[in-house]
Amino acid sequence: MWLVTDFGFFSVVQKPGDAEAGTLTVRARVRGDLEALRSRYLPTMGPVRESKATDYRFRARAPRAAVAAAMALAIERIEYANVKARIRKTQGPARERVLHDVWAALLPLQRP
């Protein structure tokens, strides 16, 4: 699952070993995104691991229920009408431009 929030971009997956441990792996391209997630919503997330050999350079594991609760809380706290404008304000124009490119790439999905 991809999640684009006003504090970071995440890919949440169930990697080998997660099912048995009751965890999910939260991946990010930027370490600071995972740190923001931990400080705002997910204090039980494990240590951030870095690997230049993986698709997502940064990743951490967290209890599945805690990830779900963190995402629900983030949704409950939404107080903006435009996510790209909010990202520009909270993360800067460079990040907003990248997210605009993602928005534009997905636009053809709604066209017949």
PDB file of N, CA and C in Angstrom:
ATOM      1  N   MET A   1       0.849  -1.168   0.000  1.00  0.00           N
ATOM      2  CA  MET A   1       0.000   0.000   0.000  1.00  0.00           C
ATOM      3  C   MET A   1       0.892   1.227   0.000  1.00  0.00           C
ATOM      4  N   TRP A   2       0.621   2.120  -0.904  1.00  0.00           N
ATOM      5  CA  TRP A   2       1.311   3.398  -0.897  1.00  0.00           C
ATOM      6  C   TRP A   2       0.490   4.389  -0.094  1.00  0.00           C
ATOM      7  N   LEU A   3       1.164   5.178   0.709  1.00  0.00           N
ATOM      8  CA  LEU A   3       0.523   6.224   1.493  1.00  0.00           C
ATOM      9  C   LEU A   3       1.275   7.528   1.276  1.00  0.00           C
ATOM     10  N   VAL A   4       0.555   8.532   0.803  1.00  0.00           N
ATOM     11  CA  VAL A   4       1.121   9.862   0.652  1.00  0.00           C
ATOM     12  C   VAL A   4       0.438  10.736   1.691  1.00  0.00           C
ATOM     13  N   THR A   5       1.217  11.243   2.624  1.00  0.00           N
ATOM     14  CA  THR A   5       0.673  12.060   3.701  1.00  0.00           C
ATOM     15  C   THR A   5       1.350  13.424   3.684  1.00  0.00           C
ATOM     16  N   ASP A   6       0.891  14.311   4.539  1.00  0.00           N
ATOM     17  CA  ASP A   6       1.528  15.629   4.609  1.00  0.00           C
ATOM     18  C   ASP A   6       2.826  15.597   5.410  1.00  0.00           C
ATOM     19  N   PHE A   7       3.232  14.406   5.882  1.00  0.00           N
ATOM     20  CA  PHE A   7       4.501  14.284   6.598  1.00  0.00           C
ATOM     21  C   PHE A   7       5.412  13.221   6.002  1.00  0.00           C
ATOM     22  N   GLY A   8       4.994  12.558   4.902  1.00  0.00           N
ATOM     23  CA  GLY A   8       5.874  11.582   4.278  1.00  0.00           C
ATOM     24  C   GLY A   8       5.186  10.675   3.285  1.00  0.00           C
ATOM     25  N   PHE A   9       6.012   9.944   2.546  1.00  0.00           N
ATOM     26  CA  PHE A   9       5.558   8.951   1.574  1.00  0.00           C
ATOM     27  C   PHE A   9       6.027   7.592   2.067  1.00  0.00           C
ATOM     28  N   PHE A  10       5.094   6.619   2.085  1.00  0.00           N
ATOM     29  CA  PHE A  10       5.392   5.307   2.639  1.00  0.00           C
ATOM     30  C   PHE A  10       4.861   4.196   1.745  1.00  0.00           C
ATOM     31  N   SER A  11       5.529   3.075   1.785  1.00  0.00           N
ATOM     32  CA  SER A  11       5.050   1.832   1.205  1.00  0.00           C
ATOM     33  C   SER A  11       4.942   0.842   2.362  1.00  0.00           C
ATOM     34  N   VAL A  12       3.735   0.368   2.615  1.00  0.00           N
ATOM     35  CA  VAL A  12       3.510  -0.565   3.726  1.00  0.00           C
ATOM     36  C   VAL A  12       3.230  -1.942   3.137  1.00  0.00           C
ATOM     37  N   VAL A  13       4.027  -2.924   3.557  1.00  0.00           N
ATOM     38  CA  VAL A  13       3.924  -4.277   3.011  1.00  0.00           C
ATOM     39  C   VAL A  13       4.091  -5.316   4.114  1.00  0.00           C
ATOM     40  N   GLN A  14       3.748  -6.535   3.778  1.00  0.00           N
ATOM     41  CA  GLN A  14       4.004  -7.666   4.663  1.00  0.00           C
ATOM     42  C   GLN A  14       5.163  -8.455   4.068  1.00  0.00           C
ATOM     43  N   LYS A  15       6.317  -8.292   4.631  1.00  0.00           N
ATOM     44  CA  LYS A  15       7.513  -8.990   4.165  1.00  0.00           C
ATOM     45  C   LYS A  15       7.598 -10.359   4.848  1.00  0.00           C
ATOM     46  N   PRO A  16       8.461 -11.247   4.321  1.00  0.00           N
ATOM     47  CA  PRO A  16       8.639 -12.544   4.990  1.00  0.00           C
ATOM     48  C   PRO A  16       8.984 -12.337   6.462  1.00  0.00           C
ATOM     49  N   GLY A  17       8.309 -13.060   7.298  1.00  0.00           N
ATOM     50  CA  GLY A  17       8.515 -12.954   8.733  1.00  0.00           C
ATOM     51  C   GLY A  17       7.527 -12.022   9.422  1.00  0.00           C
ATOM     52  N   ASP A  18       6.917 -11.107   8.672  1.00  0.00           N
ATOM     53  CA  ASP A  18       5.965 -10.185   9.287  1.00  0.00           C
ATOM     54  C   ASP A  18       4.709 -10.900   9.789  1.00  0.00           C
ATOM     55  N   ALA A  19       4.176 -11.824   9.006  1.00  0.00           N
ATOM     56  CA  ALA A  19       2.935 -12.503   9.412  1.00  0.00           C
ATOM     57  C   ALA A  19       3.125 -13.213  10.746  1.00  0.00           C
ATOM     58  N   GLU A  20       4.228 -13.941  10.878  1.00  0.00           N
ATOM     59  CA  GLU A  20       4.496 -14.676  12.106  1.00  0.00           C
ATOM     60  C   GLU A  20       4.720 -13.739  13.284  1.00  0.00           C
ATOM     61  N   ALA A  21       5.315 -12.585  13.022  1.00  0.00           N
ATOM     62  CA  ALA A  21       5.630 -11.631  14.089  1.00  0.00           C
ATOM     63  C   ALA A  21       4.476 -10.678  14.384  1.00  0.00           C
ATOM     64  N   GLY A  22       3.435 -10.687  13.528  1.00  0.00           N
ATOM     65  CA  GLY A  22       2.334  -9.749  13.718  1.00  0.00           C
ATOM     66  C   GLY A  22       2.710  -8.326  13.387  1.00  0.00           C
ATOM     67  N   THR A  23       3.652  -8.170  12.446  1.00  0.00           N
ATOM     68  CA  THR A  23       4.143  -6.848  12.086  1.00  0.00           C
ATOM     69  C   THR A  23       3.879  -6.552  10.610  1.00  0.00           C
ATOM     70  N   LEU A  24       4.118  -5.313  10.255  1.00  0.00           N
ATOM     71  CA  LEU A  24       4.184  -4.874   8.865  1.00  0.00           C
ATOM     72  C   LEU A  24       5.509  -4.159   8.689  1.00  0.00           C
ATOM     73  N   THR A  25       5.997  -4.115   7.467  1.00  0.00           N
ATOM     74  CA  THR A  25       7.207  -3.370   7.163  1.00  0.00           C
ATOM     75  C   THR A  25       6.789  -2.065   6.495  1.00  0.00           C
ATOM     76  N   VAL A  26       7.256  -0.969   7.070  1.00  0.00           N
ATOM     77  CA  VAL A  26       6.968   0.365   6.536  1.00  0.00           C
ATOM     78  C   VAL A  26       8.251   0.850   5.872  1.00  0.00           C
ATOM     79  N   ARG A  27       8.135   1.146   4.570  1.00  0.00           N
ATOM     80  CA  ARG A  27       9.316   1.533   3.800  1.00  0.00           C
ATOM     81  C   ARG A  27       9.183   2.987   3.357  1.00  0.00           C
ATOM     82  N   ALA A  28      10.332   3.634   3.157  1.00  0.00           N
ATOM     83  CA  ALA A  28      10.341   5.026   2.728  1.00  0.00           C
ATOM     84  C   ALA A  28      11.597   5.299   1.920  1.00  0.00           C
ATOM     85  N   ARG A  29      11.522   6.311   1.113  1.00  0.00           N
ATOM     86  CA  ARG A  29      12.691   6.749   0.350  1.00  0.00           C
ATOM     87  C   ARG A  29      13.547   7.724   1.157  1.00  0.00           C
ATOM     88  N   VAL A  30      12.925   8.340   2.184  1.00  0.00           N
ATOM     89  CA  VAL A  30      13.597   9.358   2.999  1.00  0.00           C
ATOM     90  C   VAL A  30      13.508   8.944   4.470  1.00  0.00           C
ATOM     91  N   ARG A  31      14.640   8.884   5.145  1.00  0.00           N
ATOM     92  CA  ARG A  31      14.671   8.490   6.558  1.00  0.00           C
ATOM     93  C   ARG A  31      13.764   9.391   7.398  1.00  0.00           C
ATOM     94  N   GLY A  32      13.791  10.683   7.111  1.00  0.00           N
ATOM     95  CA  GLY A  32      12.997  11.632   7.883  1.00  0.00           C
ATOM     96  C   GLY A  32      11.507  11.351   7.840  1.00  0.00           C
ATOM     97  N   ASP A  33      11.029  10.743   6.762  1.00  0.00           N
ATOM     98  CA  ASP A  33       9.611  10.392   6.684  1.00  0.00           C
ATOM     99  C   ASP A  33       9.262   9.354   7.751  1.00  0.00           C
ATOM    100  N   LEU A  34      10.107   8.337   7.898  1.00  0.00           N
ATOM    101  CA  LEU A  34       9.866   7.322   8.924  1.00  0.00           C
ATOM    102  C   LEU A  34      10.005   7.915  10.327  1.00  0.00           C
ATOM    103  N   GLU A  35      10.954   8.805  10.505  1.00  0.00           N
ATOM    104  CA  GLU A  35      11.121   9.447  11.809  1.00  0.00           C
ATOM    105  C   GLU A  35       9.903  10.303  12.146  1.00  0.00           C
ATOM    106  N   ALA A  36       9.336  10.991  11.149  1.00  0.00           N
ATOM    107  CA  ALA A  36       8.127  11.790  11.376  1.00  0.00           C
ATOM    108  C   ALA A  36       6.949  10.883  11.721  1.00  0.00           C
ATOM    109  N   LEU A  37       6.845   9.764  11.030  1.00  0.00           N
ATOM    110  CA  LEU A  37       5.772   8.817  11.325  1.00  0.00           C
ATOM    111  C   LEU A  37       5.885   8.324  12.765  1.00  0.00           C
ATOM    112  N   ARG A  38       7.094   7.966  13.169  1.00  0.00           N
ATOM    113  CA  ARG A  38       7.302   7.483  14.537  1.00  0.00           C
ATOM    114  C   ARG A  38       6.943   8.562  15.556  1.00  0.00           C
ATOM    115  N   SER A  39       7.440   9.762  15.363  1.00  0.00           N
ATOM    116  CA  SER A  39       7.235  10.802  16.377  1.00  0.00           C
ATOM    117  C   SER A  39       5.783  11.261  16.455  1.00  0.00           C
ATOM    118  N   ARG A  40       5.068  11.232  15.340  1.00  0.00           N
ATOM    119  CA  ARG A  40       3.685  11.716  15.344  1.00  0.00           C
ATOM    120  C   ARG A  40       2.661  10.649  15.702  1.00  0.00           C
ATOM    121  N   TYR A  41       2.849   9.437  15.161  1.00  0.00           N
ATOM    122  CA  TYR A  41       1.769   8.456  15.220  1.00  0.00           C
ATOM    123  C   TYR A  41       2.166   7.027  15.590  1.00  0.00           C
ATOM    124  N   LEU A  42       3.437   6.670  15.473  1.00  0.00           N
ATOM    125  CA  LEU A  42       3.797   5.259  15.588  1.00  0.00           C
ATOM    126  C   LEU A  42       5.037   5.061  16.470  1.00  0.00           C
ATOM    127  N   PRO A  43       4.931   5.378  17.769  1.00  0.00           N
ATOM    128  CA  PRO A  43       6.104   5.276  18.634  1.00  0.00           C
ATOM    129  C   PRO A  43       6.617   3.853  18.815  1.00  0.00           C
ATOM    130  N   THR A  44       5.797   2.852  18.529  1.00  0.00           N
ATOM    131  CA  THR A  44       6.227   1.456  18.698  1.00  0.00           C
ATOM    132  C   THR A  44       6.976   0.909  17.479  1.00  0.00           C
ATOM    133  N   MET A  45       7.175   1.730  16.464  1.00  0.00           N
ATOM    134  CA  MET A  45       7.910   1.274  15.292  1.00  0.00           C
ATOM    135  C   MET A  45       9.358   0.975  15.682  1.00  0.00           C
ATOM    136  N   GLY A  46       9.879  -0.108  15.135  1.00  0.00           N
ATOM    137  CA  GLY A  46      11.250  -0.514  15.424  1.00  0.00           C
ATOM    138  C   GLY A  46      12.270   0.420  14.797  1.00  0.00           C
ATOM    139  N   PRO A  47      13.533   0.049  14.917  1.00  0.00           N
ATOM    140  CA  PRO A  47      14.596   0.901  14.383  1.00  0.00           C
ATOM    141  C   PRO A  47      14.536   0.997  12.861  1.00  0.00           C
ATOM    142  N   VAL A  48      14.920   2.151  12.361  1.00  0.00           N
ATOM    143  CA  VAL A  48      14.993   2.354  10.915  1.00  0.00           C
ATOM    144  C   VAL A  48      16.277   1.709  10.422  1.00  0.00           C
ATOM    145  N   ARG A  49      16.118   0.848   9.437  1.00  0.00           N
ATOM    146  CA  ARG A  49      17.263   0.193   8.816  1.00  0.00           C
ATOM    147  C   ARG A  49      17.489   0.794   7.438  1.00  0.00           C
ATOM    148  N   GLU A  50      18.737   0.917   7.055  1.00  0.00           N
ATOM    149  CA  GLU A  50      19.092   1.499   5.763  1.00  0.00           C
ATOM    150  C   GLU A  50      19.828   0.471   4.920  1.00  0.00           C
ATOM    151  N   SER A  51      19.460   0.400   3.655  1.00  0.00           N
ATOM    152  CA  SER A  51      20.155  -0.478   2.718  1.00  0.00           C
ATOM    153  C   SER A  51      20.142   0.160   1.339  1.00  0.00           C
ATOM    154  N   LYS A  52      21.314   0.311   0.765  1.00  0.00           N
ATOM    155  CA  LYS A  52      21.405   0.849  -0.597  1.00  0.00           C
ATOM    156  C   LYS A  52      21.109  -0.223  -1.638  1.00  0.00           C
ATOM    157  N   ALA A  53      20.916  -1.474  -1.206  1.00  0.00           N
ATOM    158  CA  ALA A  53      20.683  -2.591  -2.126  1.00  0.00           C
ATOM    159  C   ALA A  53      19.204  -2.906  -2.307  1.00  0.00           C
ATOM    160  N   THR A  54      18.314  -2.126  -1.686  1.00  0.00           N
ATOM    161  CA  THR A  54      16.888  -2.408  -1.784  1.00  0.00           C
ATOM    162  C   THR A  54      16.165  -1.278  -2.503  1.00  0.00           C
ATOM    163  N   ASP A  55      14.962  -1.587  -2.965  1.00  0.00           N
ATOM    164  CA  ASP A  55      14.148  -0.615  -3.682  1.00  0.00           C
ATOM    165  C   ASP A  55      13.882   0.619  -2.825  1.00  0.00           C
ATOM    166  N   TYR A  56      13.442   0.408  -1.596  1.00  0.00           N
ATOM    167  CA  TYR A  56      13.238   1.502  -0.654  1.00  0.00           C
ATOM    168  C   TYR A  56      14.426   1.493   0.298  1.00  0.00           C
ATOM    169  N   ARG A  57      15.154   2.592   0.351  1.00  0.00           N
ATOM    170  CA  ARG A  57      16.407   2.634   1.108  1.00  0.00           C
ATOM    171  C   ARG A  57      16.197   2.478   2.613  1.00  0.00           C
ATOM    172  N   PHE A  58      15.050   2.967   3.120  1.00  0.00           N
ATOM    173  CA  PHE A  58      14.803   2.955   4.558  1.00  0.00           C
ATOM    174  C   PHE A  58      13.566   2.129   4.870  1.00  0.00           C
ATOM    175  N   ARG A  59      13.627   1.384   5.970  1.00  0.00           N
ATOM    176  CA  ARG A  59      12.483   0.557   6.364  1.00  0.00           C
ATOM    177  C   ARG A  59      12.522   0.277   7.856  1.00  0.00           C
ATOM    178  N   ALA A  60      11.347   0.016   8.388  1.00  0.00           N
ATOM    179  CA  ALA A  60      11.226  -0.344   9.798  1.00  0.00           C
ATOM    180  C   ALA A  60       9.998  -1.232   9.948  1.00  0.00           C
ATOM    181  N   ARG A  61      10.003  -2.030  10.985  1.00  0.00           N
ATOM    182  CA  ARG A  61       8.857  -2.913  11.257  1.00  0.00           C
ATOM    183  C   ARG A  61       8.085  -2.368  12.447  1.00  0.00           C
ATOM    184  N   ALA A  62       6.780  -2.601  12.414  1.00  0.00           N
ATOM    185  CA  ALA A  62       5.927  -2.156  13.514  1.00  0.00           C
ATOM    186  C   ALA A  62       4.775  -3.134  13.654  1.00  0.00           C
ATOM    187  N   PRO A  63       4.207  -3.229  14.842  1.00  0.00           N
ATOM    188  CA  PRO A  63       3.046  -4.099  15.021  1.00  0.00           C
ATOM    189  C   PRO A  63       1.929  -3.713  14.049  1.00  0.00           C
ATOM    190  N   ARG A  64       1.337  -4.715  13.427  1.00  0.00           N
ATOM    191  CA  ARG A  64       0.282  -4.493  12.426  1.00  0.00           C
ATOM    192  C   ARG A  64      -0.832  -3.600  12.985  1.00  0.00           C
ATOM    193  N   ALA A  65      -1.323  -3.901  14.164  1.00  0.00           N
ATOM    194  CA  ALA A  65      -2.417  -3.121  14.749  1.00  0.00           C
ATOM    195  C   ALA A  65      -1.995  -1.679  15.006  1.00  0.00           C
ATOM    196  N   ALA A  66      -0.743  -1.468  15.375  1.00  0.00           N
ATOM    197  CA  ALA A  66      -0.254  -0.112  15.627  1.00  0.00           C
ATOM    198  C   ALA A  66      -0.164   0.688  14.328  1.00  0.00           C
ATOM    199  N   VAL A  67       0.231   0.038  13.233  1.00  0.00           N
ATOM    200  CA  VAL A  67       0.275   0.716  11.935  1.00  0.00           C
ATOM    201  C   VAL A  67      -1.139   1.139  11.535  1.00  0.00           C
ATOM    202  N   ALA A  68      -2.088   0.243  11.688  1.00  0.00           N
ATOM    203  CA  ALA A  68      -3.479   0.557  11.348  1.00  0.00           C
ATOM    204  C   ALA A  68      -4.000   1.708  12.208  1.00  0.00           C
ATOM    205  N   ALA A  69      -3.711   1.677  13.495  1.00  0.00           N
ATOM    206  CA  ALA A  69      -4.166   2.746  14.387  1.00  0.00           C
ATOM    207  C   ALA A  69      -3.501   4.076  14.037  1.00  0.00           C
ATOM    208  N   ALA A  70      -2.222   4.043  13.680  1.00  0.00           N
ATOM    209  CA  ALA A  70      -1.503   5.259  13.310  1.00  0.00           C
ATOM    210  C   ALA A  70      -2.111   5.886  12.056  1.00  0.00           C
ATOM    211  N   MET A  71      -2.422   5.054  11.067  1.00  0.00           N
ATOM    212  CA  MET A  71      -3.016   5.584   9.835  1.00  0.00           C
ATOM    213  C   MET A  71      -4.415   6.141  10.097  1.00  0.00           C
ATOM    214  N   ALA A  72      -5.170   5.471  10.947  1.00  0.00           N
ATOM    215  CA  ALA A  72      -6.510   5.970  11.287  1.00  0.00           C
ATOM    216  C   ALA A  72      -6.404   7.329  11.980  1.00  0.00           C
ATOM    217  N   LEU A  73      -5.455   7.477  12.885  1.00  0.00           N
ATOM    218  CA  LEU A  73      -5.285   8.744  13.583  1.00  0.00           C
ATOM    219  C   LEU A  73      -4.845   9.846  12.620  1.00  0.00           C
ATOM    220  N   ALA A  74      -3.944   9.519  11.706  1.00  0.00           N
ATOM    221  CA  ALA A  74      -3.514  10.510  10.708  1.00  0.00           C
ATOM    222  C   ALA A  74      -4.701  10.980   9.879  1.00  0.00           C
ATOM    223  N   ILE A  75      -5.580  10.059   9.522  1.00  0.00           N
ATOM    224  CA  ILE A  75      -6.772  10.416   8.751  1.00  0.00           C
ATOM    225  C   ILE A  75      -7.708  11.283   9.587  1.00  0.00           C
ATOM    226  N   GLU A  76      -7.897  10.931  10.841  1.00  0.00           N
ATOM    227  CA  GLU A  76      -8.770  11.724  11.710  1.00  0.00           C
ATOM    228  C   GLU A  76      -8.284  13.155  11.867  1.00  0.00           C
ATOM    229  N   ARG A  77      -6.993  13.375  11.755  1.00  0.00           N
ATOM    230  CA  ARG A  77      -6.416  14.713  11.973  1.00  0.00           C
ATOM    231  C   ARG A  77      -6.289  15.554  10.698  1.00  0.00           C
ATOM    232  N   ILE A  78      -6.777  15.073   9.584  1.00  0.00           N
ATOM    233  CA  ILE A  78      -6.715  15.857   8.342  1.00  0.00           C
ATOM    234  C   ILE A  78      -7.524  17.134   8.518  1.00  0.00           C
ATOM    235  N   GLU A  79      -6.898  18.259   8.186  1.00  0.00           N
ATOM    236  CA  GLU A  79      -7.568  19.549   8.286  1.00  0.00           C
ATOM    237  C   GLU A  79      -7.179  20.466   7.121  1.00  0.00           C
ATOM    238  N   TYR A  80      -6.982  19.889   5.968  1.00  0.00           N
ATOM    239  CA  TYR A  80      -6.635  20.654   4.774  1.00  0.00           C
ATOM    240  C   TYR A  80      -7.516  20.189   3.622  1.00  0.00           C
ATOM    241  N   ALA A  81      -7.714  21.084   2.647  1.00  0.00           N
ATOM    242  CA  ALA A  81      -8.586  20.780   1.514  1.00  0.00           C
ATOM    243  C   ALA A  81      -7.822  20.301   0.285  1.00  0.00           C
ATOM    244  N   ASN A  82      -6.516  20.546   0.238  1.00  0.00           N
ATOM    245  CA  ASN A  82      -5.715  20.183  -0.923  1.00  0.00           C
ATOM    246  C   ASN A  82      -4.390  19.603  -0.439  1.00  0.00           C
ATOM    247  N   VAL A  83      -4.177  18.319  -0.717  1.00  0.00           N
ATOM    248  CA  VAL A  83      -2.977  17.653  -0.185  1.00  0.00           C
ATOM    249  C   VAL A  83      -1.698  18.190  -0.815  1.00  0.00           C
ATOM    250  N   LYS A  84      -1.703  18.514  -2.108  1.00  0.00           N
ATOM    251  CA  LYS A  84      -0.477  19.038  -2.734  1.00  0.00           C
ATOM    252  C   LYS A  84      -0.093  20.390  -2.132  1.00  0.00           C
ATOM    253  N   ALA A  85      -1.083  21.254  -1.889  1.00  0.00           N
ATOM    254  CA  ALA A  85      -0.811  22.557  -1.274  1.00  0.00           C
ATOM    255  C   ALA A  85      -0.290  22.369   0.155  1.00  0.00           C
ATOM    256  N   ARG A  86      -0.849  21.412   0.860  1.00  0.00           N
ATOM    257  CA  ARG A  86      -0.407  21.137   2.230  1.00  0.00           C
ATOM    258  C   ARG A  86       1.036  20.619   2.230  1.00  0.00           C
ATOM    259  N   ILE A  87       1.360  19.735   1.303  1.00  0.00           N
ATOM    260  CA  ILE A  87       2.726  19.214   1.212  1.00  0.00           C
ATOM    261  C   ILE A  87       3.706  20.337   0.889  1.00  0.00           C
ATOM    262  N   ARG A  88       3.295  21.259   0.020  1.00  0.00           N
ATOM    263  CA  ARG A  88       4.150  22.409  -0.284  1.00  0.00           C
ATOM    264  C   ARG A  88       4.452  23.186   1.000  1.00  0.00           C
ATOM    265  N   LYS A  89       3.424  23.371   1.839  1.00  0.00           N
ATOM    266  CA  LYS A  89       3.582  24.126   3.079  1.00  0.00           C
ATOM    267  C   LYS A  89       4.415  23.370   4.109  1.00  0.00           C
ATOM    268  N   THR A  90       4.178  22.051   4.251  1.00  0.00           N
ATOM    269  CA  THR A  90       4.839  21.288   5.316  1.00  0.00           C
ATOM    270  C   THR A  90       6.179  20.687   4.907  1.00  0.00           C
ATOM    271  N   GLN A  91       6.350  20.376   3.602  1.00  0.00           N
ATOM    272  CA  GLN A  91       7.572  19.692   3.173  1.00  0.00           C
ATOM    273  C   GLN A  91       8.341  20.452   2.098  1.00  0.00           C
ATOM    274  N   GLY A  92       7.768  21.546   1.604  1.00  0.00           N
ATOM    275  CA  GLY A  92       8.482  22.391   0.665  1.00  0.00           C
ATOM    276  C   GLY A  92       8.099  22.160  -0.786  1.00  0.00           C
ATOM    277  N   PRO A  93       8.472  23.125  -1.642  1.00  0.00           N
ATOM    278  CA  PRO A  93       8.077  23.070  -3.052  1.00  0.00           C
ATOM    279  C   PRO A  93       8.707  21.919  -3.838  1.00  0.00           C
ATOM    280  N   ALA A  94       9.905  21.490  -3.476  1.00  0.00           N
ATOM    281  CA  ALA A  94      10.534  20.381  -4.204  1.00  0.00           C
ATOM    282  C   ALA A  94       9.728  19.100  -4.013  1.00  0.00           C
ATOM    283  N   ARG A  95       9.316  18.806  -2.790  1.00  0.00           N
ATOM    284  CA  ARG A  95       8.509  17.612  -2.528  1.00  0.00           C
ATOM    285  C   ARG A  95       7.149  17.750  -3.199  1.00  0.00           C
ATOM    286  N   GLU A  96       6.570  18.926  -3.167  1.00  0.00           N
ATOM    287  CA  GLU A  96       5.279  19.143  -3.817  1.00  0.00           C
ATOM    288  C   GLU A  96       5.373  18.882  -5.326  1.00  0.00           C
ATOM    289  N   ARG A  97       6.459  19.295  -5.944  1.00  0.00           N
ATOM    290  CA  ARG A  97       6.634  19.059  -7.392  1.00  0.00           C
ATOM    291  C   ARG A  97       6.700  17.560  -7.692  1.00  0.00           C
ATOM    292  N   VAL A  98       7.400  16.820  -6.871  1.00  0.00           N
ATOM    293  CA  VAL A  98       7.478  15.365  -7.062  1.00  0.00           C
ATOM    294  C   VAL A  98       6.082  14.753  -6.947  1.00  0.00           C
ATOM    295  N   LEU A  99       5.322  15.162  -5.935  1.00  0.00           N
ATOM    296  CA  LEU A  99       3.969  14.619  -5.756  1.00  0.00           C
ATOM    297  C   LEU A  99       3.040  15.059  -6.877  1.00  0.00           C
ATOM    298  N   HIS A 100       3.267  16.248  -7.419  1.00  0.00           N
ATOM    299  CA  HIS A 100       2.469  16.669  -8.581  1.00  0.00           C
ATOM    300  C   HIS A 100       2.745  15.750  -9.767  1.00  0.00           C
ATOM    301  N   ASP A 101       3.991  15.351  -9.935  1.00  0.00           N
ATOM    302  CA  ASP A 101       4.339  14.421 -11.013  1.00  0.00           C
ATOM    303  C   ASP A 101       3.636  13.077 -10.827  1.00  0.00           C
ATOM    304  N   VAL A 102       3.558  12.612  -9.583  1.00  0.00           N
ATOM    305  CA  VAL A 102       2.825  11.372  -9.304  1.00  0.00           C
ATOM    306  C   VAL A 102       1.347  11.560  -9.647  1.00  0.00           C
ATOM    307  N   TRP A 103       0.780  12.668  -9.206  1.00  0.00           N
ATOM    308  CA  TRP A 103      -0.622  12.993  -9.506  1.00  0.00           C
ATOM    309  C   TRP A 103      -0.850  12.969 -11.018  1.00  0.00           C
ATOM    310  N   ALA A 104       0.048  13.619 -11.774  1.00  0.00           N
ATOM    311  CA  ALA A 104      -0.087  13.681 -13.232  1.00  0.00           C
ATOM    312  C   ALA A 104       0.058  12.299 -13.869  1.00  0.00           C
ATOM    313  N   ALA A 105       0.958  11.481 -13.346  1.00  0.00           N
ATOM    314  CA  ALA A 105       1.154  10.139 -13.894  1.00  0.00           C
ATOM    315  C   ALA A 105      -0.085   9.275 -13.694  1.00  0.00           C
ATOM    316  N   LEU A 106      -0.809   9.491 -12.606  1.00  0.00           N
ATOM    317  CA  LEU A 106      -2.003   8.693 -12.312  1.00  0.00           C
ATOM    318  C   LEU A 106      -3.266   9.239 -12.976  1.00  0.00           C
ATOM    319  N   LEU A 107      -3.216  10.462 -13.466  1.00  0.00           N
ATOM    320  CA  LEU A 107      -4.403  11.072 -14.082  1.00  0.00           C
ATOM    321  C   LEU A 107      -5.017  10.235 -15.201  1.00  0.00           C
ATOM    322  N   PRO A 108      -4.235   9.598 -16.061  1.00  0.00           N
ATOM    323  CA  PRO A 108      -4.845   8.798 -17.135  1.00  0.00           C
ATOM    324  C   PRO A 108      -5.745   7.649 -16.631  1.00  0.00           C
ATOM    325  N   LEU A 109      -5.597   7.245 -15.391  1.00  0.00           N
ATOM    326  CA  LEU A 109      -6.444   6.188 -14.865  1.00  0.00           C
ATOM    327  C   LEU A 109      -7.924   6.577 -14.867  1.00  0.00           C
ATOM    328  N   GLN A 110      -8.239   7.864 -14.736  1.00  0.00           N
ATOM    329  CA  GLN A 110      -9.637   8.287 -14.682  1.00  0.00           C
ATOM    330  C   GLN A 110     -10.210   8.595 -16.052  1.00  0.00           C
ATOM    331  N   ARG A 111      -9.382   8.644 -17.046  1.00  0.00           N
ATOM    332  CA  ARG A 111      -9.865   8.915 -18.405  1.00  0.00           C
ATOM    333  C   ARG A 111     -10.240   7.615 -19.092  1.00  0.00           C
ATOM    334  N   PRO A 112     -11.340   7.652 -19.876  1.00  0.00           N
ATOM    335  CA  PRO A 112     -11.755   6.410 -20.564  1.00  0.00           C
ATOM    336  C   PRO A 112     -10.742   5.953 -21.607  1.00  0.00           C
TER     337      PRO A 112
END
